[in-house]
PDB file of N, CA and C in Angstrom:
ATOM      1  N   MET A   1     125.443 128.205  95.920  1.00  0.00           N
ATOM      2  CA  MET A   1     126.450 128.401  94.910  1.00  0.00           C
ATOM      3  C   MET A   1     126.519 129.871  94.541  1.00  0.00           C
ATOM      4  N   GLY A   2     127.730 130.398  94.425  1.00  0.00           N
ATOM      5  CA  GLY A   2     127.896 131.777  94.005  1.00  0.00           C
ATOM      6  C   GLY A   2     127.684 131.914  92.513  1.00  0.00           C
ATOM      7  N   THR A   3     127.617 133.169  92.052  1.00  0.00           N
ATOM      8  CA  THR A   3     127.353 133.413  90.643  1.00  0.00           C
ATOM      9  C   THR A   3     128.403 132.768  89.753  1.00  0.00           C
ATOM     10  N   SER A   4     129.682 132.909  90.122  1.00  0.00           N
ATOM     11  CA  SER A   4     130.751 132.334  89.310  1.00  0.00           C
ATOM     12  C   SER A   4     130.666 130.813  89.267  1.00  0.00           C
ATOM     13  N   SER A   5     130.445 130.173  90.416  1.00  0.00           N
ATOM     14  CA  SER A   5     130.360 128.713  90.425  1.00  0.00           C
ATOM     15  C   SER A   5     129.093 128.228  89.743  1.00  0.00           C
ATOM     16  N   THR A   6     128.015 129.020  89.811  1.00  0.00           N
ATOM     17  CA  THR A   6     126.784 128.669  89.099  1.00  0.00           C
ATOM     18  C   THR A   6     127.027 128.705  87.595  1.00  0.00           C
ATOM     19  N   LEU A   7     127.688 129.752  87.121  1.00  0.00           N
ATOM     20  CA  LEU A   7     128.011 129.842  85.699  1.00  0.00           C
ATOM     21  C   LEU A   7     128.919 128.698  85.273  1.00  0.00           C
ATOM     22  N   ASP A   8     129.931 128.409  86.084  1.00  0.00           N
ATOM     23  CA  ASP A   8     130.848 127.307  85.762  1.00  0.00           C
ATOM     24  C   ASP A   8     130.089 125.992  85.624  1.00  0.00           C
ATOM     25  N   ALA A   9     129.215 125.704  86.572  1.00  0.00           N
ATOM     26  CA  ALA A   9     128.448 124.457  86.548  1.00  0.00           C
ATOM     27  C   ALA A   9     127.487 124.431  85.367  1.00  0.00           C
ATOM     28  N   THR A  10     126.872 125.567  85.068  1.00  0.00           N
ATOM     29  CA  THR A  10     125.927 125.638  83.943  1.00  0.00           C
ATOM     30  C   THR A  10     126.646 125.379  82.629  1.00  0.00           C
ATOM     31  N   PHE A  11     127.755 126.081  82.399  1.00  0.00           N
ATOM     32  CA  PHE A  11     128.472 125.899  81.136  1.00  0.00           C
ATOM     33  C   PHE A  11     129.100 124.507  81.035  1.00  0.00           C
ATOM     34  N   ALA A  12     129.554 123.957  82.139  1.00  0.00           N
ATOM     35  CA  ALA A  12     130.088 122.588  82.118  1.00  0.00           C
ATOM     36  C   ALA A  12     128.992 121.594  81.742  1.00  0.00           C
ATOM     37  N   ALA A  13     127.798 121.796  82.291  1.00  0.00           N
ATOM     38  CA  ALA A  13     126.679 120.908  81.968  1.00  0.00           C
ATOM     39  C   ALA A  13     126.272 121.063  80.504  1.00  0.00           C
ATOM     40  N   LEU A  14     126.299 122.281  79.993  1.00  0.00           N
ATOM     41  CA  LEU A  14     125.890 122.537  78.618  1.00  0.00           C
ATOM     42  C   LEU A  14     126.944 122.121  77.591  1.00  0.00           C
ATOM     43  N   ALA A  15     128.141 121.805  78.048  1.00  0.00           N
ATOM     44  CA  ALA A  15     129.226 121.447  77.130  1.00  0.00           C
ATOM     45  C   ALA A  15     128.982 120.124  76.413  1.00  0.00           C
ATOM     46  N   ASP A  16     128.120 119.298  76.950  1.00  0.00           N
ATOM     47  CA  ASP A  16     127.886 117.979  76.365  1.00  0.00           C
ATOM     48  C   ASP A  16     126.611 117.983  75.517  1.00  0.00           C
ATOM     49  N   PRO A  17     126.669 117.491  74.274  1.00  0.00           N
ATOM     50  CA  PRO A  17     125.492 117.508  73.411  1.00  0.00           C
ATOM     51  C   PRO A  17     124.337 116.642  73.929  1.00  0.00           C
ATOM     52  N   THR A  18     124.651 115.566  74.620  1.00  0.00           N
ATOM     53  CA  THR A  18     123.579 114.726  75.183  1.00  0.00           C
ATOM     54  C   THR A  18     122.819 115.498  76.246  1.00  0.00           C
ATOM     55  N   ARG A  19     123.533 116.219  77.092  1.00  0.00           N
ATOM     56  CA  ARG A  19     122.862 116.993  78.139  1.00  0.00           C
ATOM     57  C   ARG A  19     122.044 118.131  77.537  1.00  0.00           C
ATOM     58  N   ARG A  20     122.557 118.746  76.473  1.00  0.00           N
ATOM     59  CA  ARG A  20     121.760 119.794  75.810  1.00  0.00           C
ATOM     60  C   ARG A  20     120.486 119.197  75.218  1.00  0.00           C
ATOM     61  N   ALA A  21     120.586 118.005  74.647  1.00  0.00           N
ATOM     62  CA  ALA A  21     119.404 117.337  74.088  1.00  0.00           C
ATOM     63  C   ALA A  21     118.403 116.990  75.188  1.00  0.00           C
ATOM     64  N   ILE A  22     118.909 116.561  76.340  1.00  0.00           N
ATOM     65  CA  ILE A  22     118.022 116.260  77.473  1.00  0.00           C
ATOM     66  C   ILE A  22     117.292 117.523  77.916  1.00  0.00           C
ATOM     67  N   LEU A  23     118.015 118.629  78.019  1.00  0.00           N
ATOM     68  CA  LEU A  23     117.365 119.889  78.405  1.00  0.00           C
ATOM     69  C   LEU A  23     116.331 120.315  77.369  1.00  0.00           C
ATOM     70  N   ALA A  24     116.643 120.140  76.088  1.00  0.00           N
ATOM     71  CA  ALA A  24     115.687 120.493  75.046  1.00  0.00           C
ATOM     72  C   ALA A  24     114.418 119.651  75.176  1.00  0.00           C
ATOM     73  N   ARG A  25     114.583 118.377  75.476  1.00  0.00           N
ATOM     74  CA  ARG A  25     113.421 117.504  75.668  1.00  0.00           C
ATOM     75  C   ARG A  25     112.609 117.946  76.876  1.00  0.00           C
ATOM     76  N   LEU A  26     113.300 118.273  77.978  1.00  0.00           N
ATOM     77  CA  LEU A  26     112.602 118.689  79.198  1.00  0.00           C
ATOM     78  C   LEU A  26     111.916 120.045  79.029  1.00  0.00           C
ATOM     79  N   ALA A  27     112.372 120.836  78.080  1.00  0.00           N
ATOM     80  CA  ALA A  27     111.714 122.123  77.815  1.00  0.00           C
ATOM     81  C   ALA A  27     110.304 121.910  77.268  1.00  0.00           C
ATOM     82  N   THR A  28     110.029 120.714  76.748  1.00  0.00           N
ATOM     83  CA  THR A  28     108.690 120.421  76.244  1.00  0.00           C
ATOM     84  C   THR A  28     107.797 119.811  77.319  1.00  0.00           C
ATOM     85  N   GLY A  29     108.378 119.467  78.474  1.00  0.00           N
ATOM     86  CA  GLY A  29     107.600 118.895  79.567  1.00  0.00           C
ATOM     87  C   GLY A  29     108.407 117.883  80.354  1.00  0.00           C
ATOM     88  N   ASP A  30     107.935 117.546  81.535  1.00  0.00           N
ATOM     89  CA  ASP A  30     108.613 116.597  82.403  1.00  0.00           C
ATOM     90  C   ASP A  30     108.705 115.233  81.727  1.00  0.00           C
ATOM     91  N   ALA A  31     109.732 114.464  82.110  1.00  0.00           N
ATOM     92  CA  ALA A  31     109.936 113.134  81.532  1.00  0.00           C
ATOM     93  C   ALA A  31     110.681 112.261  82.528  1.00  0.00           C
ATOM     94  N   THR A  32     110.465 110.959  82.421  1.00  0.00           N
ATOM     95  CA  THR A  32     111.187 110.001  83.257  1.00  0.00           C
ATOM     96  C   THR A  32     112.538 109.695  82.606  1.00  0.00           C
ATOM     97  N   VAL A  33     113.405 109.030  83.348  1.00  0.00           N
ATOM     98  CA  VAL A  33     114.703 108.629  82.809  1.00  0.00           C
ATOM     99  C   VAL A  33     114.501 107.722  81.604  1.00  0.00           C
ATOM    100  N   THR A  34     113.545 106.818  81.683  1.00  0.00           N
ATOM    101  CA  THR A  34     113.264 105.912  80.563  1.00  0.00           C
ATOM    102  C   THR A  34     112.868 106.708  79.320  1.00  0.00           C
ATOM    103  N   GLU A  35     112.015 107.705  79.489  1.00  0.00           N
ATOM    104  CA  GLU A  35     111.595 108.537  78.358  1.00  0.00           C
ATOM    105  C   GLU A  35     112.764 109.351  77.811  1.00  0.00           C
ATOM    106  N   LEU A  36     113.608 109.844  78.709  1.00  0.00           N
ATOM    107  CA  LEU A  36     114.761 110.635  78.270  1.00  0.00           C
ATOM    108  C   LEU A  36     115.800 109.772  77.565  1.00  0.00           C
ATOM    109  N   ALA A  37     115.931 108.509  77.981  1.00  0.00           N
ATOM    110  CA  ALA A  37     116.927 107.612  77.393  1.00  0.00           C
ATOM    111  C   ALA A  37     116.518 107.108  76.016  1.00  0.00           C
ATOM    112  N   ALA A  38     115.221 107.112  75.703  1.00  0.00           N
ATOM    113  CA  ALA A  38     114.708 106.491  74.473  1.00  0.00           C
ATOM    114  C   ALA A  38     115.431 106.920  73.193  1.00  0.00           C
ATOM    115  N   PRO A  39     115.678 108.223  72.962  1.00  0.00           N
ATOM    116  CA  PRO A  39     116.289 108.597  71.679  1.00  0.00           C
ATOM    117  C   PRO A  39     117.803 108.370  71.595  1.00  0.00           C
ATOM    118  N   PHE A  40     118.412 107.951  72.681  1.00  0.00           N
ATOM    119  CA  PHE A  40     119.864 107.811  72.711  1.00  0.00           C
ATOM    120  C   PHE A  40     120.292 106.348  72.640  1.00  0.00           C
ATOM    121  N   ALA A  41     121.435 106.124  72.039  1.00  0.00           N
ATOM    122  CA  ALA A  41     122.011 104.780  71.991  1.00  0.00           C
ATOM    123  C   ALA A  41     122.900 104.590  73.216  1.00  0.00           C
ATOM    124  N   MET A  42     122.272 104.698  74.391  1.00  0.00           N
ATOM    125  CA  MET A  42     123.010 104.517  75.645  1.00  0.00           C
ATOM    126  C   MET A  42     122.061 103.946  76.685  1.00  0.00           C
ATOM    127  N   SER A  43     122.640 103.414  77.724  1.00  0.00           N
ATOM    128  CA  SER A  43     121.850 102.788  78.781  1.00  0.00           C
ATOM    129  C   SER A  43     121.181 103.847  79.660  1.00  0.00           C
ATOM    130  N   GLN A  44     120.180 103.397  80.410  1.00  0.00           N
ATOM    131  CA  GLN A  44     119.548 104.299  81.375  1.00  0.00           C
ATOM    132  C   GLN A  44     120.544 104.764  82.437  1.00  0.00           C
ATOM    133  N   PRO A  45     121.454 103.894  82.925  1.00  0.00           N
ATOM    134  CA  PRO A  45     122.447 104.399  83.885  1.00  0.00           C
ATOM    135  C   PRO A  45     123.324 105.508  83.302  1.00  0.00           C
ATOM    136  N   ALA A  46     123.651 105.417  82.024  1.00  0.00           N
ATOM    137  CA  ALA A  46     124.452 106.474  81.396  1.00  0.00           C
ATOM    138  C   ALA A  46     123.661 107.775  81.343  1.00  0.00           C
ATOM    139  N   VAL A  47     122.375 107.666  81.016  1.00  0.00           N
ATOM    140  CA  VAL A  47     121.522 108.867  81.003  1.00  0.00           C
ATOM    141  C   VAL A  47     121.404 109.421  82.423  1.00  0.00           C
ATOM    142  N   SER A  48     121.309 108.547  83.405  1.00  0.00           N
ATOM    143  CA  SER A  48     121.232 108.990  84.806  1.00  0.00           C
ATOM    144  C   SER A  48     122.477 109.771  85.214  1.00  0.00           C
ATOM    145  N   LYS A  49     123.635 109.368  84.712  1.00  0.00           N
ATOM    146  CA  LYS A  49     124.870 110.124  84.999  1.00  0.00           C
ATOM    147  C   LYS A  49     124.771 111.533  84.430  1.00  0.00           C
ATOM    148  N   HIS A  50     124.264 111.645  83.204  1.00  0.00           N
ATOM    149  CA  HIS A  50     124.073 112.977  82.617  1.00  0.00           C
ATOM    150  C   HIS A  50     123.086 113.792  83.453  1.00  0.00           C
ATOM    151  N   LEU A  51     122.033 113.148  83.913  1.00  0.00           N
ATOM    152  CA  LEU A  51     121.044 113.850  84.745  1.00  0.00           C
ATOM    153  C   LEU A  51     121.656 114.330  86.052  1.00  0.00           C
ATOM    154  N   ARG A  52     122.551 113.549  86.641  1.00  0.00           N
ATOM    155  CA  ARG A  52     123.207 113.987  87.885  1.00  0.00           C
ATOM    156  C   ARG A  52     124.032 115.250  87.648  1.00  0.00           C
ATOM    157  N   VAL A  53     124.718 115.322  86.502  1.00  0.00           N
ATOM    158  CA  VAL A  53     125.476 116.543  86.177  1.00  0.00           C
ATOM    159  C   VAL A  53     124.512 117.724  86.055  1.00  0.00           C
ATOM    160  N   LEU A  54     123.394 117.505  85.371  1.00  0.00           N
ATOM    161  CA  LEU A  54     122.401 118.576  85.215  1.00  0.00           C
ATOM    162  C   LEU A  54     121.785 118.970  86.558  1.00  0.00           C
ATOM    163  N   GLU A  55     121.580 117.991  87.432  1.00  0.00           N
ATOM    164  CA  GLU A  55     121.054 118.292  88.776  1.00  0.00           C
ATOM    165  C   GLU A  55     122.056 119.106  89.577  1.00  0.00           C
ATOM    166  N   ARG A  56     123.329 118.723  89.545  1.00  0.00           N
ATOM    167  CA  ARG A  56     124.358 119.473  90.295  1.00  0.00           C
ATOM    168  C   ARG A  56     124.454 120.912  89.801  1.00  0.00           C
ATOM    169  N   ALA A  57     124.198 121.114  88.512  1.00  0.00           N
ATOM    170  CA  ALA A  57     124.219 122.472  87.945  1.00  0.00           C
ATOM    171  C   ALA A  57     122.935 123.227  88.254  1.00  0.00           C
ATOM    172  N   GLY A  58     121.958 122.551  88.850  1.00  0.00           N
ATOM    173  CA  GLY A  58     120.694 123.201  89.189  1.00  0.00           C
ATOM    174  C   GLY A  58     119.749 123.329  88.008  1.00  0.00           C
ATOM    175  N   LEU A  59     120.026 122.612  86.918  1.00  0.00           N
ATOM    176  CA  LEU A  59     119.213 122.718  85.712  1.00  0.00           C
ATOM    177  C   LEU A  59     118.061 121.727  85.669  1.00  0.00           C
ATOM    178  N   VAL A  60     118.128 120.692  86.497  1.00  0.00           N
ATOM    179  CA  VAL A  60     117.110 119.646  86.511  1.00  0.00           C
ATOM    180  C   VAL A  60     116.791 119.287  87.950  1.00  0.00           C
ATOM    181  N   GLN A  61     115.519 119.021  88.203  1.00  0.00           N
ATOM    182  CA  GLN A  61     115.075 118.483  89.497  1.00  0.00           C
ATOM    183  C   GLN A  61     114.310 117.203  89.213  1.00  0.00           C
ATOM    184  N   ARG A  62     114.478 116.245  90.112  1.00  0.00           N
ATOM    185  CA  ARG A  62     113.697 115.009  89.999  1.00  0.00           C
ATOM    186  C   ARG A  62     112.609 115.043  91.053  1.00  0.00           C
ATOM    187  N   GLY A  63     111.414 114.721  90.634  1.00  0.00           N
ATOM    188  CA  GLY A  63     110.282 114.703  91.543  1.00  0.00           C
ATOM    189  C   GLY A  63     109.867 113.281  91.863  1.00  0.00           C
ATOM    190  N   ARG A  64     108.747 113.174  92.519  1.00  0.00           N
ATOM    191  CA  ARG A  64     108.185 111.860  92.817  1.00  0.00           C
ATOM    192  C   ARG A  64     106.687 111.956  92.593  1.00  0.00           C
ATOM    193  N   ASP A  65     106.198 111.100  91.690  1.00  0.00           N
ATOM    194  CA  ASP A  65     104.787 111.075  91.344  1.00  0.00           C
ATOM    195  C   ASP A  65     104.360 109.606  91.389  1.00  0.00           C
ATOM    196  N   ALA A  66     103.857 109.184  92.538  1.00  0.00           N
ATOM    197  CA  ALA A  66     103.519 107.766  92.779  1.00  0.00           C
ATOM    198  C   ALA A  66     104.771 106.932  92.545  1.00  0.00           C
ATOM    199  N   GLN A  67     104.769 106.075  91.533  1.00  0.00           N
ATOM    200  CA  GLN A  67     105.938 105.232  91.277  1.00  0.00           C
ATOM    201  C   GLN A  67     106.882 105.858  90.264  1.00  0.00           C
ATOM    202  N   ARG A  68     106.483 106.946  89.669  1.00  0.00           N
ATOM    203  CA  ARG A  68     107.329 107.629  88.677  1.00  0.00           C
ATOM    204  C   ARG A  68     108.220 108.651  89.356  1.00  0.00           C
ATOM    205  N   ARG A  69     109.366 108.909  88.751  1.00  0.00           N
ATOM    206  CA  ARG A  69     110.258 109.970  89.221  1.00  0.00           C
ATOM    207  C   ARG A  69     110.554 110.900  88.055  1.00  0.00           C
ATOM    208  N   PRO A  70     109.591 111.747  87.700  1.00  0.00           N
ATOM    209  CA  PRO A  70     109.792 112.612  86.532  1.00  0.00           C
ATOM    210  C   PRO A  70     110.878 113.661  86.777  1.00  0.00           C
ATOM    211  N   CYS A  71     111.586 113.980  85.720  1.00  0.00           N
ATOM    212  CA  CYS A  71     112.600 115.032  85.755  1.00  0.00           C
ATOM    213  C   CYS A  71     111.955 116.314  85.243  1.00  0.00           C
ATOM    214  N   HIS A  72     112.388 117.420  85.802  1.00  0.00           N
ATOM    215  CA  HIS A  72     111.781 118.723  85.506  1.00  0.00           C
ATOM    216  C   HIS A  72     112.894 119.724  85.214  1.00  0.00           C
ATOM    217  N   LEU A  73     112.740 120.493  84.157  1.00  0.00           N
ATOM    218  CA  LEU A  73     113.700 121.535  83.799  1.00  0.00           C
ATOM    219  C   LEU A  73     113.606 122.693  84.786  1.00  0.00           C
ATOM    220  N   VAL A  74     114.757 123.182  85.241  1.00  0.00           N
ATOM    221  CA  VAL A  74     114.836 124.391  86.064  1.00  0.00           C
ATOM    222  C   VAL A  74     115.652 125.388  85.243  1.00  0.00           C
ATOM    223  N   ALA A  75     115.003 126.388  84.706  1.00  0.00           N
ATOM    224  CA  ALA A  75     115.637 127.286  83.742  1.00  0.00           C
ATOM    225  C   ALA A  75     116.395 128.453  84.371  1.00  0.00           C
ATOM    226  N   GLU A  76     116.263 128.669  85.655  1.00  0.00           N
ATOM    227  CA  GLU A  76     116.884 129.838  86.300  1.00  0.00           C
ATOM    228  C   GLU A  76     118.387 129.959  86.022  1.00  0.00           C
ATOM    229  N   PRO A  77     119.176 128.875  86.145  1.00  0.00           N
ATOM    230  CA  PRO A  77     120.611 129.019  85.836  1.00  0.00           C
ATOM    231  C   PRO A  77     120.869 129.440  84.387  1.00  0.00           C
ATOM    232  N   LEU A  78     119.982 129.095  83.483  1.00  0.00           N
ATOM    233  CA  LEU A  78     120.146 129.498  82.085  1.00  0.00           C
ATOM    234  C   LEU A  78     119.982 131.002  81.928  1.00  0.00           C
ATOM    235  N   LYS A  79     119.157 131.600  82.788  1.00  0.00           N
ATOM    236  CA  LYS A  79     118.979 133.059  82.752  1.00  0.00           C
ATOM    237  C   LYS A  79     120.299 133.759  83.085  1.00  0.00           C
ATOM    238  N   ALA A  80     121.015 133.259  84.085  1.00  0.00           N
ATOM    239  CA  ALA A  80     122.305 133.850  84.457  1.00  0.00           C
ATOM    240  C   ALA A  80     123.324 133.678  83.331  1.00  0.00           C
ATOM    241  N   ALA A  81     123.317 132.508  82.682  1.00  0.00           N
ATOM    242  CA  ALA A  81     124.245 132.265  81.575  1.00  0.00           C
ATOM    243  C   ALA A  81     123.925 133.187  80.397  1.00  0.00           C
ATOM    244  N   THR A  82     122.652 133.361  80.116  1.00  0.00           N
ATOM    245  CA  THR A  82     122.231 134.240  79.029  1.00  0.00           C
ATOM    246  C   THR A  82     122.634 135.681  79.314  1.00  0.00           C
ATOM    247  N   ALA A  83     122.475 136.110  80.554  1.00  0.00           N
ATOM    248  CA  ALA A  83     122.865 137.479  80.935  1.00  0.00           C
ATOM    249  C   ALA A  83     124.365 137.673  80.766  1.00  0.00           C
ATOM    250  N   TRP A  84     125.144 136.670  81.142  1.00  0.00           N
ATOM    251  CA  TRP A  84     126.596 136.761  81.000  1.00  0.00           C
ATOM    252  C   TRP A  84     126.972 136.846  79.523  1.00  0.00           C
ATOM    253  N   LEU A  85     126.343 136.028  78.696  1.00  0.00           N
ATOM    254  CA  LEU A  85     126.630 136.034  77.264  1.00  0.00           C
ATOM    255  C   LEU A  85     126.175 137.321  76.583  1.00  0.00           C
ATOM    256  N   ALA A  86     125.160 137.980  77.119  1.00  0.00           N
ATOM    257  CA  ALA A  86     124.627 139.195  76.515  1.00  0.00           C
ATOM    258  C   ALA A  86     125.688 140.285  76.417  1.00  0.00           C
ATOM    259  N   GLY A  87     126.578 140.347  77.386  1.00  0.00           N
ATOM    260  CA  GLY A  87     127.666 141.333  77.329  1.00  0.00           C
ATOM    261  C   GLY A  87     128.553 141.122  76.114  1.00  0.00           C
ATOM    262  N   TYR A  88     128.791 139.884  75.762  1.00  0.00           N
ATOM    263  CA  TYR A  88     129.604 139.582  74.589  1.00  0.00           C
ATOM    264  C   TYR A  88     128.829 139.837  73.307  1.00  0.00           C
ATOM    265  N   ARG A  89     127.535 139.615  73.330  1.00  0.00           N
ATOM    266  CA  ARG A  89     126.708 139.927  72.166  1.00  0.00           C
ATOM    267  C   ARG A  89     126.785 141.429  71.886  1.00  0.00           C
ATOM    268  N   ASP A  90     126.698 142.237  72.936  1.00  0.00           N
ATOM    269  CA  ASP A  90     126.796 143.689  72.777  1.00  0.00           C
ATOM    270  C   ASP A  90     128.152 144.078  72.188  1.00  0.00           C
ATOM    271  N   TYR A  91     129.216 143.424  72.634  1.00  0.00           N
ATOM    272  CA  TYR A  91     130.565 143.690  72.119  1.00  0.00           C
ATOM    273  C   TYR A  91     130.618 143.405  70.621  1.00  0.00           C
ATOM    274  N   TRP A  92     130.123 142.228  70.216  1.00  0.00           N
ATOM    275  CA  TRP A  92     130.186 141.863  68.798  1.00  0.00           C
ATOM    276  C   TRP A  92     129.293 142.750  67.947  1.00  0.00           C
ATOM    277  N   GLU A  93     128.147 143.135  68.456  1.00  0.00           N
ATOM    278  CA  GLU A  93     127.283 144.041  67.696  1.00  0.00           C
ATOM    279  C   GLU A  93     127.976 145.382  67.472  1.00  0.00           C
ATOM    280  N   ALA A  94     128.656 145.902  68.486  1.00  0.00           N
ATOM    281  CA  ALA A  94     129.395 147.156  68.336  1.00  0.00           C
ATOM    282  C   ALA A  94     130.536 146.991  67.339  1.00  0.00           C
ATOM    283  N   SER A  95     131.216 145.853  67.388  1.00  0.00           N
ATOM    284  CA  SER A  95     132.308 145.599  66.441  1.00  0.00           C
ATOM    285  C   SER A  95     131.788 145.545  65.012  1.00  0.00           C
ATOM    286  N   TYR A  96     130.658 144.901  64.802  1.00  0.00           N
ATOM    287  CA  TYR A  96     130.083 144.828  63.458  1.00  0.00           C
ATOM    288  C   TYR A  96     129.623 146.203  62.974  1.00  0.00           C
ATOM    289  N   ARG A  97     129.086 147.006  63.881  1.00  0.00           N
ATOM    290  CA  ARG A  97     128.696 148.377  63.491  1.00  0.00           C
ATOM    291  C   ARG A  97     129.925 149.166  63.040  1.00  0.00           C
ATOM    292  N   GLN A  98     131.037 149.015  63.770  1.00  0.00           N
ATOM    293  CA  GLN A  98     132.272 149.707  63.385  1.00  0.00           C
ATOM    294  C   GLN A  98     132.754 149.220  62.022  1.00  0.00           C
ATOM    295  N   LEU A  99     132.678 147.930  61.780  1.00  0.00           N
ATOM    296  CA  LEU A  99     133.090 147.372  60.501  1.00  0.00           C
ATOM    297  C   LEU A  99     132.189 147.903  59.382  1.00  0.00           C
ATOM    298  N   ASP A 100     130.878 147.947  59.634  1.00  0.00           N
ATOM    299  CA  ASP A 100     129.954 148.498  58.638  1.00  0.00           C
ATOM    300  C   ASP A 100     130.314 149.941  58.300  1.00  0.00           C
ATOM    301  N   ASP A 101     130.612 150.726  59.343  1.00  0.00           N
ATOM    302  CA  ASP A 101     130.976 152.138  59.115  1.00  0.00           C
ATOM    303  C   ASP A 101     132.260 152.233  58.298  1.00  0.00           C
ATOM    304  N   LEU A 102     133.241 151.403  58.601  1.00  0.00           N
ATOM    305  CA  LEU A 102     134.508 151.410  57.867  1.00  0.00           C
ATOM    306  C   LEU A 102     134.285 151.028  56.401  1.00  0.00           C
ATOM    307  N   LEU A 103     133.475 150.000  56.170  1.00  0.00           N
ATOM    308  CA  LEU A 103     133.206 149.569  54.808  1.00  0.00           C
ATOM    309  C   LEU A 103     132.471 150.649  54.007  1.00  0.00           C
ATOM    310  N   LYS A 104     131.562 151.365  54.669  1.00  0.00           N
ATOM    311  CA  LYS A 104     130.875 152.479  53.984  1.00  0.00           C
ATOM    312  C   LYS A 104     131.860 153.567  53.598  1.00  0.00           C
ATOM    313  N   ASP A 105     132.815 153.864  54.487  1.00  0.00           N
ATOM    314  CA  ASP A 105     133.830 154.890  54.203  1.00  0.00           C
ATOM    315  C   ASP A 105     134.731 154.475  53.056  1.00  0.00           C
ATOM    316  N   LEU A 106     134.955 153.180  52.879  1.00  0.00           N
ATOM    317  CA  LEU A 106     135.861 152.698  51.839  1.00  0.00           C
ATOM    318  C   LEU A 106     135.196 152.603  50.475  1.00  0.00           C
ATOM    319  N   GLN A 107     133.870 152.638  50.447  1.00  0.00           N
ATOM    320  CA  GLN A 107     133.164 152.558  49.155  1.00  0.00           C
ATOM    321  C   GLN A 107     133.315 153.855  48.398  1.00  0.00           C
ATOM    322  N   PRO A 108     133.518 153.741  47.050  1.00  0.00           N
ATOM    323  CA  PRO A 108     133.696 154.994  46.236  1.00  0.00           C
ATOM    324  C   PRO A 108     132.395 155.766  46.090  1.00  0.00           C
TER     325      PRO A 108
END
């Protein structure tokens, strides 16, 4: 996947609050689909659909541990998304600095 398609897939996966919650859970350690489904009012197949979206985005990998198939967070695509967003953070910080300077000039 190219950088643009990686970003597209990452942001599409992050657009859903359930998928963000799954990633937050996986940030604390590997988990099975059953463990990931527990806090949600949805079926395991529904959670599996969310996991497939996260897998296609490269954010999750499923392993095999005897009879378990734990899911594992892959944070690398998040690094690219963070780098892309950093440019906008720099823009807003510069805009706020300009606003601060203007407000100082307007004070008596």
